Amino acid sequence: MQEHAFHGLVEMLRLHPAAAMGCLPLLFAAIASWDEVPSGLSEPLGAVATGYKAQVPAAQWDAFYSSFPEQMRSRLTARYHL
């Protein structure tokens, strides 16, 4: 069920990327929440994560990313090379 919901989220964000700009920390937390990312979600979630990273000005990215908990940063870095 969770996997299906994330597929819907990815599709919604593909169609309306501005929808999540006000809640990026929560979106990144949701992306990092998987203990094991299902194979069909890894690539789409990576595209979402890197796409939103590109939307944050480079000068602000480090401070934004540093505000995440260590475990969350570790997962995002390992999986999506953020």
PDB file of N, CA and C in Angstrom:
ATOM      1  N   MET A   1       0.815  -1.189   0.000  1.00  0.00           N
ATOM      2  CA  MET A   1       0.000   0.000   0.000  1.00  0.00           C
ATOM      3  C   MET A   1       0.862   1.258   0.000  1.00  0.00           C
ATOM      4  N   GLN A   2       1.913   1.298   0.835  1.00  0.00           N
ATOM      5  CA  GLN A   2       2.795   2.457   0.895  1.00  0.00           C
ATOM      6  C   GLN A   2       3.482   2.680  -0.450  1.00  0.00           C
ATOM      7  N   GLU A   3       3.888   1.599  -1.082  1.00  0.00           N
ATOM      8  CA  GLU A   3       4.551   1.713  -2.377  1.00  0.00           C
ATOM      9  C   GLU A   3       3.616   2.353  -3.406  1.00  0.00           C
ATOM     10  N   HIS A   4       2.362   1.934  -3.412  1.00  0.00           N
ATOM     11  CA  HIS A   4       1.377   2.488  -4.337  1.00  0.00           C
ATOM     12  C   HIS A   4       1.191   3.989  -4.089  1.00  0.00           C
ATOM     13  N   ALA A   5       1.145   4.389  -2.823  1.00  0.00           N
ATOM     14  CA  ALA A   5       0.988   5.800  -2.472  1.00  0.00           C
ATOM     15  C   ALA A   5       2.179   6.616  -2.964  1.00  0.00           C
ATOM     16  N   PHE A   6       3.371   6.066  -2.853  1.00  0.00           N
ATOM     17  CA  PHE A   6       4.555   6.787  -3.314  1.00  0.00           C
ATOM     18  C   PHE A   6       4.580   6.905  -4.834  1.00  0.00           C
ATOM     19  N   HIS A   7       4.093   5.895  -5.530  1.00  0.00           N
ATOM     20  CA  HIS A   7       3.992   6.019  -6.992  1.00  0.00           C
ATOM     21  C   HIS A   7       3.055   7.171  -7.352  1.00  0.00           C
ATOM     22  N   GLY A   8       1.955   7.293  -6.633  1.00  0.00           N
ATOM     23  CA  GLY A   8       1.022   8.399  -6.853  1.00  0.00           C
ATOM     24  C   GLY A   8       1.661   9.741  -6.527  1.00  0.00           C
ATOM     25  N   LEU A   9       2.417   9.801  -5.447  1.00  0.00           N
ATOM     26  CA  LEU A   9       3.117  11.022  -5.078  1.00  0.00           C
ATOM     27  C   LEU A   9       4.104  11.434  -6.166  1.00  0.00           C
ATOM     28  N   VAL A  10       4.878  10.485  -6.650  1.00  0.00           N
ATOM     29  CA  VAL A  10       5.854  10.778  -7.703  1.00  0.00           C
ATOM     30  C   VAL A  10       5.150  11.316  -8.947  1.00  0.00           C
ATOM     31  N   GLU A  11       4.048  10.707  -9.315  1.00  0.00           N
ATOM     32  CA  GLU A  11       3.307  11.162 -10.496  1.00  0.00           C
ATOM     33  C   GLU A  11       2.745  12.559 -10.287  1.00  0.00           C
ATOM     34  N   MET A  12       2.194  12.818  -9.106  1.00  0.00           N
ATOM     35  CA  MET A  12       1.657  14.143  -8.806  1.00  0.00           C
ATOM     36  C   MET A  12       2.765  15.193  -8.873  1.00  0.00           C
ATOM     37  N   LEU A  13       3.939  14.876  -8.321  1.00  0.00           N
ATOM     38  CA  LEU A  13       5.044  15.824  -8.337  1.00  0.00           C
ATOM     39  C   LEU A  13       5.596  16.026  -9.745  1.00  0.00           C
ATOM     40  N   ARG A  14       5.516  15.002 -10.564  1.00  0.00           N
ATOM     41  CA  ARG A  14       5.948  15.140 -11.955  1.00  0.00           C
ATOM     42  C   ARG A  14       5.052  16.137 -12.683  1.00  0.00           C
ATOM     43  N   LEU A  15       3.763  16.080 -12.404  1.00  0.00           N
ATOM     44  CA  LEU A  15       2.806  16.959 -13.069  1.00  0.00           C
ATOM     45  C   LEU A  15       2.754  18.356 -12.447  1.00  0.00           C
ATOM     46  N   HIS A  16       2.992  18.447 -11.144  1.00  0.00           N
ATOM     47  CA  HIS A  16       2.875  19.714 -10.414  1.00  0.00           C
ATOM     48  C   HIS A  16       4.048  19.876  -9.447  1.00  0.00           C
ATOM     49  N   PRO A  17       5.253  20.082  -9.950  1.00  0.00           N
ATOM     50  CA  PRO A  17       6.419  20.141  -9.061  1.00  0.00           C
ATOM     51  C   PRO A  17       6.365  21.252  -8.022  1.00  0.00           C
ATOM     52  N   ALA A  18       5.686  22.346  -8.313  1.00  0.00           N
ATOM     53  CA  ALA A  18       5.611  23.445  -7.349  1.00  0.00           C
ATOM     54  C   ALA A  18       4.810  23.058  -6.109  1.00  0.00           C
ATOM     55  N   ALA A  19       4.033  21.998  -6.190  1.00  0.00           N
ATOM     56  CA  ALA A  19       3.163  21.593  -5.079  1.00  0.00           C
ATOM     57  C   ALA A  19       3.937  21.285  -3.803  1.00  0.00           C
ATOM     58  N   ALA A  20       5.171  20.844  -3.910  1.00  0.00           N
ATOM     59  CA  ALA A  20       5.924  20.437  -2.726  1.00  0.00           C
ATOM     60  C   ALA A  20       6.977  21.453  -2.293  1.00  0.00           C
ATOM     61  N   MET A  21       7.090  22.564  -2.988  1.00  0.00           N
ATOM     62  CA  MET A  21       8.156  23.513  -2.667  1.00  0.00           C
ATOM     63  C   MET A  21       8.057  24.044  -1.234  1.00  0.00           C
ATOM     64  N   GLY A  22       6.879  24.129  -0.692  1.00  0.00           N
ATOM     65  CA  GLY A  22       6.718  24.632   0.668  1.00  0.00           C
ATOM     66  C   GLY A  22       6.950  23.596   1.756  1.00  0.00           C
ATOM     67  N   CYS A  23       7.136  22.354   1.364  1.00  0.00           N
ATOM     68  CA  CYS A  23       7.308  21.303   2.380  1.00  0.00           C
ATOM     69  C   CYS A  23       8.445  20.349   2.008  1.00  0.00           C
ATOM     70  N   LEU A  24       9.511  20.892   1.459  1.00  0.00           N
ATOM     71  CA  LEU A  24      10.625  20.035   1.033  1.00  0.00           C
ATOM     72  C   LEU A  24      11.240  19.205   2.160  1.00  0.00           C
ATOM     73  N   PRO A  25      11.420  19.742   3.368  1.00  0.00           N
ATOM     74  CA  PRO A  25      11.969  18.876   4.416  1.00  0.00           C
ATOM     75  C   PRO A  25      11.113  17.630   4.658  1.00  0.00           C
ATOM     76  N   LEU A  26       9.798  17.784   4.633  1.00  0.00           N
ATOM     77  CA  LEU A  26       8.916  16.623   4.819  1.00  0.00           C
ATOM     78  C   LEU A  26       8.997  15.667   3.636  1.00  0.00           C
ATOM     79  N   LEU A  27       9.096  16.206   2.438  1.00  0.00           N
ATOM     80  CA  LEU A  27       9.225  15.355   1.257  1.00  0.00           C
ATOM     81  C   LEU A  27      10.510  14.543   1.310  1.00  0.00           C
ATOM     82  N   PHE A  28      11.625  15.193   1.631  1.00  0.00           N
ATOM     83  CA  PHE A  28      12.895  14.466   1.727  1.00  0.00           C
ATOM     84  C   PHE A  28      12.854  13.438   2.855  1.00  0.00           C
ATOM     85  N   ALA A  29      12.175  13.762   3.955  1.00  0.00           N
ATOM     86  CA  ALA A  29      12.028  12.793   5.048  1.00  0.00           C
ATOM     87  C   ALA A  29      11.236  11.581   4.579  1.00  0.00           C
ATOM     88  N   ALA A  30      10.193  11.806   3.796  1.00  0.00           N
ATOM     89  CA  ALA A  30       9.393  10.693   3.274  1.00  0.00           C
ATOM     90  C   ALA A  30      10.221   9.835   2.322  1.00  0.00           C
ATOM     91  N   ILE A  31      10.993  10.484   1.471  1.00  0.00           N
ATOM     92  CA  ILE A  31      11.844   9.739   0.527  1.00  0.00           C
ATOM     93  C   ILE A  31      12.863   8.897   1.282  1.00  0.00           C
ATOM     94  N   ALA A  32      13.413   9.449   2.347  1.00  0.00           N
ATOM     95  CA  ALA A  32      14.431   8.731   3.129  1.00  0.00           C
ATOM     96  C   ALA A  32      13.835   7.712   4.094  1.00  0.00           C
ATOM     97  N   SER A  33      12.519   7.685   4.237  1.00  0.00           N
ATOM     98  CA  SER A  33      11.894   6.838   5.252  1.00  0.00           C
ATOM     99  C   SER A  33      11.947   5.347   4.953  1.00  0.00           C
ATOM    100  N   TRP A  34      12.185   4.994   3.721  1.00  0.00           N
ATOM    101  CA  TRP A  34      12.218   3.576   3.354  1.00  0.00           C
ATOM    102  C   TRP A  34      13.457   2.897   3.924  1.00  0.00           C
ATOM    103  N   ASP A  35      13.260   1.758   4.602  1.00  0.00           N
ATOM    104  CA  ASP A  35      14.410   0.946   5.004  1.00  0.00           C
ATOM    105  C   ASP A  35      15.007   0.288   3.768  1.00  0.00           C
ATOM    106  N   GLU A  36      14.145  -0.211   2.900  1.00  0.00           N
ATOM    107  CA  GLU A  36      14.553  -0.803   1.621  1.00  0.00           C
ATOM    108  C   GLU A  36      13.621  -0.243   0.562  1.00  0.00           C
ATOM    109  N   VAL A  37      14.169   0.498  -0.379  1.00  0.00           N
ATOM    110  CA  VAL A  37      13.355   1.106  -1.428  1.00  0.00           C
ATOM    111  C   VAL A  37      12.993   0.041  -2.455  1.00  0.00           C
ATOM    112  N   PRO A  38      11.708  -0.136  -2.754  1.00  0.00           N
ATOM    113  CA  PRO A  38      11.311  -1.096  -3.786  1.00  0.00           C
ATOM    114  C   PRO A  38      11.976  -0.729  -5.120  1.00  0.00           C
ATOM    115  N   SER A  39      12.355  -1.723  -5.871  1.00  0.00           N
ATOM    116  CA  SER A  39      13.109  -1.486  -7.104  1.00  0.00           C
ATOM    117  C   SER A  39      12.383  -0.552  -8.067  1.00  0.00           C
ATOM    118  N   GLY A  40      11.089  -0.601  -8.126  1.00  0.00           N
ATOM    119  CA  GLY A  40      10.343   0.256  -9.029  1.00  0.00           C
ATOM    120  C   GLY A  40      10.225   1.694  -8.562  1.00  0.00           C
ATOM    121  N   LEU A  41      10.644   1.968  -7.343  1.00  0.00           N
ATOM    122  CA  LEU A  41      10.569   3.326  -6.815  1.00  0.00           C
ATOM    123  C   LEU A  41      11.913   4.014  -6.709  1.00  0.00           C
ATOM    124  N   SER A  42      12.980   3.272  -6.721  1.00  0.00           N
ATOM    125  CA  SER A  42      14.292   3.865  -6.501  1.00  0.00           C
ATOM    126  C   SER A  42      14.611   4.955  -7.517  1.00  0.00           C
ATOM    127  N   GLU A  43      14.470   4.654  -8.777  1.00  0.00           N
ATOM    128  CA  GLU A  43      14.785   5.641  -9.814  1.00  0.00           C
ATOM    129  C   GLU A  43      13.841   6.844  -9.774  1.00  0.00           C
ATOM    130  N   PRO A  44      12.519   6.644  -9.690  1.00  0.00           N
ATOM    131  CA  PRO A  44      11.623   7.811  -9.627  1.00  0.00           C
ATOM    132  C   PRO A  44      11.860   8.682  -8.391  1.00  0.00           C
ATOM    133  N   LEU A  45      12.108   8.073  -7.240  1.00  0.00           N
ATOM    134  CA  LEU A  45      12.373   8.871  -6.044  1.00  0.00           C
ATOM    135  C   LEU A  45      13.697   9.612  -6.174  1.00  0.00           C
ATOM    136  N   GLY A  46      14.670   8.986  -6.787  1.00  0.00           N
ATOM    137  CA  GLY A  46      15.944   9.664  -7.036  1.00  0.00           C
ATOM    138  C   GLY A  46      15.770  10.863  -7.942  1.00  0.00           C
ATOM    139  N   ALA A  47      14.930  10.721  -8.961  1.00  0.00           N
ATOM    140  CA  ALA A  47      14.665  11.834  -9.873  1.00  0.00           C
ATOM    141  C   ALA A  47      13.970  12.975  -9.144  1.00  0.00           C
ATOM    142  N   VAL A  48      13.038  12.638  -8.265  1.00  0.00           N
ATOM    143  CA  VAL A  48      12.354  13.666  -7.477  1.00  0.00           C
ATOM    144  C   VAL A  48      13.368  14.374  -6.573  1.00  0.00           C
ATOM    145  N   ALA A  49      14.182  13.606  -5.863  1.00  0.00           N
ATOM    146  CA  ALA A  49      15.145  14.198  -4.926  1.00  0.00           C
ATOM    147  C   ALA A  49      16.142  15.099  -5.650  1.00  0.00           C
ATOM    148  N   THR A  50      16.713  14.626  -6.738  1.00  0.00           N
ATOM    149  CA  THR A  50      17.697  15.448  -7.446  1.00  0.00           C
ATOM    150  C   THR A  50      17.036  16.637  -8.139  1.00  0.00           C
ATOM    151  N   GLY A  51      15.801  16.462  -8.568  1.00  0.00           N
ATOM    152  CA  GLY A  51      15.078  17.573  -9.183  1.00  0.00           C
ATOM    153  C   GLY A  51      14.824  18.698  -8.196  1.00  0.00           C
ATOM    154  N   TYR A  52      14.421  18.346  -6.981  1.00  0.00           N
ATOM    155  CA  TYR A  52      14.199  19.384  -5.981  1.00  0.00           C
ATOM    156  C   TYR A  52      15.513  19.971  -5.482  1.00  0.00           C
ATOM    157  N   LYS A  53      16.552  19.161  -5.422  1.00  0.00           N
ATOM    158  CA  LYS A  53      17.863  19.719  -5.053  1.00  0.00           C
ATOM    159  C   LYS A  53      18.238  20.813  -6.042  1.00  0.00           C
ATOM    160  N   ALA A  54      17.972  20.589  -7.307  1.00  0.00           N
ATOM    161  CA  ALA A  54      18.295  21.574  -8.340  1.00  0.00           C
ATOM    162  C   ALA A  54      17.470  22.854  -8.181  1.00  0.00           C
ATOM    163  N   GLN A  55      16.322  22.771  -7.518  1.00  0.00           N
ATOM    164  CA  GLN A  55      15.469  23.935  -7.327  1.00  0.00           C
ATOM    165  C   GLN A  55      15.915  24.820  -6.159  1.00  0.00           C
ATOM    166  N   VAL A  56      16.702  24.241  -5.250  1.00  0.00           N
ATOM    167  CA  VAL A  56      17.215  25.017  -4.120  1.00  0.00           C
ATOM    168  C   VAL A  56      18.494  25.697  -4.585  1.00  0.00           C
ATOM    169  N   PRO A  57      18.591  27.012  -4.423  1.00  0.00           N
ATOM    170  CA  PRO A  57      19.821  27.695  -4.845  1.00  0.00           C
ATOM    171  C   PRO A  57      21.056  27.035  -4.226  1.00  0.00           C
ATOM    172  N   ALA A  58      22.092  26.871  -5.039  1.00  0.00           N
ATOM    173  CA  ALA A  58      23.302  26.168  -4.595  1.00  0.00           C
ATOM    174  C   ALA A  58      23.866  26.767  -3.312  1.00  0.00           C
ATOM    175  N   ALA A  59      23.793  28.085  -3.178  1.00  0.00           N
ATOM    176  CA  ALA A  59      24.318  28.739  -1.982  1.00  0.00           C
ATOM    177  C   ALA A  59      23.531  28.366  -0.733  1.00  0.00           C
ATOM    178  N   GLN A  60      22.301  27.898  -0.884  1.00  0.00           N
ATOM    179  CA  GLN A  60      21.458  27.543   0.257  1.00  0.00           C
ATOM    180  C   GLN A  60      21.377  26.033   0.494  1.00  0.00           C
ATOM    181  N   TRP A  61      21.790  25.233  -0.490  1.00  0.00           N
ATOM    182  CA  TRP A  61      21.629  23.790  -0.382  1.00  0.00           C
ATOM    183  C   TRP A  61      22.352  23.208   0.829  1.00  0.00           C
ATOM    184  N   ASP A  62      23.610  23.601   1.050  1.00  0.00           N
ATOM    185  CA  ASP A  62      24.383  23.007   2.145  1.00  0.00           C
ATOM    186  C   ASP A  62      23.705  23.233   3.495  1.00  0.00           C
ATOM    187  N   ALA A  63      23.241  24.449   3.743  1.00  0.00           N
ATOM    188  CA  ALA A  63      22.564  24.733   5.015  1.00  0.00           C
ATOM    189  C   ALA A  63      21.249  23.970   5.102  1.00  0.00           C
ATOM    190  N   PHE A  64      20.508  23.913   3.997  1.00  0.00           N
ATOM    191  CA  PHE A  64      19.244  23.177   3.959  1.00  0.00           C
ATOM    192  C   PHE A  64      19.483  21.702   4.257  1.00  0.00           C
ATOM    193  N   TYR A  65      20.442  21.099   3.560  1.00  0.00           N
ATOM    194  CA  TYR A  65      20.735  19.673   3.710  1.00  0.00           C
ATOM    195  C   TYR A  65      21.291  19.370   5.097  1.00  0.00           C
ATOM    196  N   SER A  66      22.103  20.259   5.626  1.00  0.00           N
ATOM    197  CA  SER A  66      22.689  20.063   6.952  1.00  0.00           C
ATOM    198  C   SER A  66      21.642  20.084   8.053  1.00  0.00           C
ATOM    199  N   SER A  67      20.495  20.678   7.780  1.00  0.00           N
ATOM    200  CA  SER A  67      19.444  20.732   8.802  1.00  0.00           C
ATOM    201  C   SER A  67      18.734  19.394   8.987  1.00  0.00           C
ATOM    202  N   PHE A  68      18.946  18.460   8.069  1.00  0.00           N
ATOM    203  CA  PHE A  68      18.319  17.138   8.179  1.00  0.00           C
ATOM    204  C   PHE A  68      19.050  16.292   9.219  1.00  0.00           C
ATOM    205  N   PRO A  69      18.346  15.381   9.876  1.00  0.00           N
ATOM    206  CA  PRO A  69      19.015  14.453  10.798  1.00  0.00           C
ATOM    207  C   PRO A  69      20.063  13.614  10.060  1.00  0.00           C
ATOM    208  N   GLU A  70      21.077  13.204  10.780  1.00  0.00           N
ATOM    209  CA  GLU A  70      22.204  12.465  10.186  1.00  0.00           C
ATOM    210  C   GLU A  70      21.751  11.208   9.435  1.00  0.00           C
ATOM    211  N   GLN A  71      20.858  10.415  10.030  1.00  0.00           N
ATOM    212  CA  GLN A  71      20.409   9.186   9.370  1.00  0.00           C
ATOM    213  C   GLN A  71      19.721   9.498   8.045  1.00  0.00           C
ATOM    214  N   MET A  72      18.951  10.553   8.020  1.00  0.00           N
ATOM    215  CA  MET A  72      18.258  10.954   6.805  1.00  0.00           C
ATOM    216  C   MET A  72      19.259  11.371   5.730  1.00  0.00           C
ATOM    217  N   ARG A  73      20.237  12.186   6.103  1.00  0.00           N
ATOM    218  CA  ARG A  73      21.280  12.598   5.145  1.00  0.00           C
ATOM    219  C   ARG A  73      22.059  11.396   4.635  1.00  0.00           C
ATOM    220  N   SER A  74      22.371  10.471   5.526  1.00  0.00           N
ATOM    221  CA  SER A  74      23.128   9.281   5.124  1.00  0.00           C
ATOM    222  C   SER A  74      22.379   8.469   4.079  1.00  0.00           C
ATOM    223  N   ARG A  75      21.097   8.261   4.311  1.00  0.00           N
ATOM    224  CA  ARG A  75      20.290   7.497   3.351  1.00  0.00           C
ATOM    225  C   ARG A  75      20.188   8.221   2.017  1.00  0.00           C
ATOM    226  N   LEU A  76      19.894   9.515   2.067  1.00  0.00           N
ATOM    227  CA  LEU A  76      19.747  10.276   0.824  1.00  0.00           C
ATOM    228  C   LEU A  76      21.062  10.318   0.045  1.00  0.00           C
ATOM    229  N   THR A  77      22.164  10.473   0.756  1.00  0.00           N
ATOM    230  CA  THR A  77      23.470  10.514   0.097  1.00  0.00           C
ATOM    231  C   THR A  77      23.822   9.157  -0.506  1.00  0.00           C
ATOM    232  N   ALA A  78      23.605   8.102   0.245  1.00  0.00           N
ATOM    233  CA  ALA A  78      23.943   6.761  -0.236  1.00  0.00           C
ATOM    234  C   ALA A  78      23.082   6.343  -1.429  1.00  0.00           C
ATOM    235  N   ARG A  79      21.802   6.683  -1.371  1.00  0.00           N
ATOM    236  CA  ARG A  79      20.879   6.226  -2.414  1.00  0.00           C
ATOM    237  C   ARG A  79      20.840   7.134  -3.635  1.00  0.00           C
ATOM    238  N   TYR A  80      20.917   8.439  -3.392  1.00  0.00           N
ATOM    239  CA  TYR A  80      20.657   9.393  -4.478  1.00  0.00           C
ATOM    240  C   TYR A  80      21.796  10.376  -4.712  1.00  0.00           C
ATOM    241  N   HIS A  81      22.904  10.176  -3.992  1.00  0.00           N
ATOM    242  CA  HIS A  81      24.111  10.979  -4.180  1.00  0.00           C
ATOM    243  C   HIS A  81      23.849  12.470  -4.024  1.00  0.00           C
ATOM    244  N   LEU A  82      23.042  12.817  -3.030  1.00  0.00           N
ATOM    245  CA  LEU A  82      22.746  14.231  -2.800  1.00  0.00           C
ATOM    246  C   LEU A  82      23.892  14.881  -2.113  1.00  0.00           C
TER     247      LEU A  82
END
